[in-house]
């Protein structure tokens, strides 16, 4: 009788990036001077010009402190891409601050 493994296979960060890139999220975003930009972006984006389409959290299999988060973003002019950060104590303060602003704007836009 074959032994069964009850461990669920978790998607890795690189597998998830590949999946969202195949869905059209091809920009590799970063935060510079409080704005979202990429190599292909013609100008930087302010938080009110960005929407978080989705996000995924990852924890290292062998090290629970190896945490990262993948943000799937869309800009007001149709650019689609990803932004990767650590979370917890290793988070990049610039990215965290930008994402909090985007989240606050999105919360205000939702009808009550």
Protein backbone atom coordinates (compact mmCIF):
# COMPACT_ATOMS: atom_id res chain seq x y z
CA UNK A 1 0.00 0.00 0.00
CA UNK A 2 1.35 3.42 -1.00
CA UNK A 3 1.86 5.91 1.81
CA UNK A 4 -0.12 9.09 1.33
CA UNK A 5 1.34 12.52 1.95
CA UNK A 6 -1.22 14.82 3.55
CA UNK A 7 1.00 17.87 3.02
CA UNK A 8 -0.61 20.29 0.60
CA UNK A 9 1.72 21.55 -2.12
CA UNK A 10 2.04 25.29 -1.71
CA UNK A 11 2.60 27.53 -4.69
CA UNK A 12 5.98 29.25 -4.58
CA UNK A 13 6.52 32.94 -5.15
CA UNK A 14 8.16 32.30 -8.51
CA UNK A 15 5.33 29.97 -9.63
CA UNK A 16 2.74 32.61 -8.70
CA UNK A 17 4.69 35.36 -10.47
CA UNK A 18 4.85 33.19 -13.60
CA UNK A 19 1.08 32.62 -13.40
CA UNK A 20 0.12 36.29 -13.07
CA UNK A 21 2.60 37.29 -15.79
CA UNK A 22 0.86 34.79 -18.08
CA UNK A 23 -2.39 36.62 -17.21
CA UNK A 24 -0.96 39.91 -18.48
CA UNK A 25 0.63 41.40 -15.34
CA UNK A 26 4.00 41.94 -17.01
CA UNK A 27 5.31 45.18 -15.44
CA UNK A 28 7.93 44.70 -12.74
CA UNK A 29 6.95 47.55 -10.42
CA UNK A 30 9.01 49.14 -7.66
CA UNK A 31 8.49 52.10 -5.33
CA UNK A 32 10.83 55.06 -5.76
CA UNK A 33 10.40 58.39 -3.96
CA UNK A 34 6.89 57.47 -2.80
CA UNK A 35 5.62 56.55 -6.27
CA UNK A 36 5.17 53.34 -8.24
CA UNK A 37 7.36 52.96 -11.31
CA UNK A 38 8.92 50.38 -13.61
CA UNK A 39 11.48 50.25 -16.40
CA UNK A 40 8.68 50.51 -18.99
CA UNK A 41 6.53 53.10 -17.19
CA UNK A 42 6.53 56.49 -18.85
CA UNK A 43 5.92 58.24 -15.53
CA UNK A 44 5.61 57.38 -11.81
CA UNK A 45 2.18 56.55 -10.37
CA UNK A 46 0.74 58.02 -7.19
CA UNK A 47 -1.28 55.80 -4.82
CA UNK A 48 -4.58 57.17 -6.15
CA UNK A 49 -3.61 55.95 -9.64
CA UNK A 50 -3.13 52.32 -8.56
CA UNK A 51 -5.46 49.45 -7.63
CA UNK A 52 -4.47 46.22 -5.90
CA UNK A 53 -6.08 43.53 -8.05
CA UNK A 54 -4.88 40.73 -5.76
CA UNK A 55 -2.11 39.74 -3.38
CA UNK A 56 -0.48 36.52 -2.20
CA UNK A 57 1.51 35.85 0.97
CA UNK A 58 4.30 33.30 1.13
CA UNK A 59 6.08 31.74 4.06
CA UNK A 60 9.35 29.89 3.67
CA UNK A 61 8.88 26.13 3.95
CA UNK A 62 11.97 25.62 6.07
CA UNK A 63 12.09 29.06 7.70
CA UNK A 64 8.84 30.68 8.88
CA UNK A 65 10.61 34.04 9.04
CA UNK A 66 11.20 33.92 5.28
CA UNK A 67 8.02 35.85 4.47
CA UNK A 68 7.12 37.66 1.27
CA UNK A 69 4.07 39.16 -0.36
CA UNK A 70 3.26 39.52 -4.04
CA UNK A 71 1.02 42.45 -4.97
CA UNK A 72 -0.78 42.25 -8.32
CA UNK A 73 -1.35 45.85 -9.40
CA UNK A 74 -3.17 47.81 -12.09
CA UNK A 75 -2.64 51.48 -12.88
CA UNK A 76 -5.28 53.99 -13.98
CA UNK A 77 -3.89 53.94 -17.55
CA UNK A 78 -3.96 50.15 -17.93
CA UNK A 79 -0.47 49.04 -16.90
CA UNK A 80 -0.57 45.68 -15.12
CA UNK A 81 2.25 44.24 -13.07
CA UNK A 82 3.64 42.94 -9.82
CA UNK A 83 5.39 44.30 -6.76
CA UNK A 84 7.16 42.00 -4.30
CA UNK A 85 7.99 42.81 -0.70
CA UNK A 86 8.88 41.07 2.51
CA UNK A 87 6.38 41.35 5.29
CA UNK A 88 6.77 41.54 9.00
CA UNK A 89 9.96 43.01 10.41
CA UNK A 90 11.80 42.70 7.08
CA UNK A 91 9.26 44.74 5.08
CA UNK A 92 10.52 47.63 2.97
CA UNK A 93 9.12 50.77 4.64
CA UNK A 94 8.76 52.59 1.29
CA UNK A 95 6.68 49.79 -0.22
CA UNK A 96 4.62 49.34 2.96
CA UNK A 97 3.81 53.05 3.13
CA UNK A 98 2.79 53.17 -0.56
CA UNK A 99 0.59 50.06 -0.28
CA UNK A 100 -1.14 51.40 2.86
CA UNK A 101 -2.03 54.57 0.94
CA UNK A 102 -3.45 52.51 -1.96
CA UNK A 103 -5.46 50.37 0.48
CA UNK A 104 -6.85 53.46 2.26
CA UNK A 105 -7.95 54.97 -1.05
CA UNK A 106 -9.64 51.73 -2.09
CA UNK A 107 -11.47 51.48 1.26
CA UNK A 108 -12.80 55.03 0.81
CA UNK A 109 -14.05 54.20 -2.71
CA UNK A 110 -16.20 51.28 -1.52
CA UNK A 111 -19.89 52.01 -0.97
CA UNK A 112 -21.11 51.51 2.59
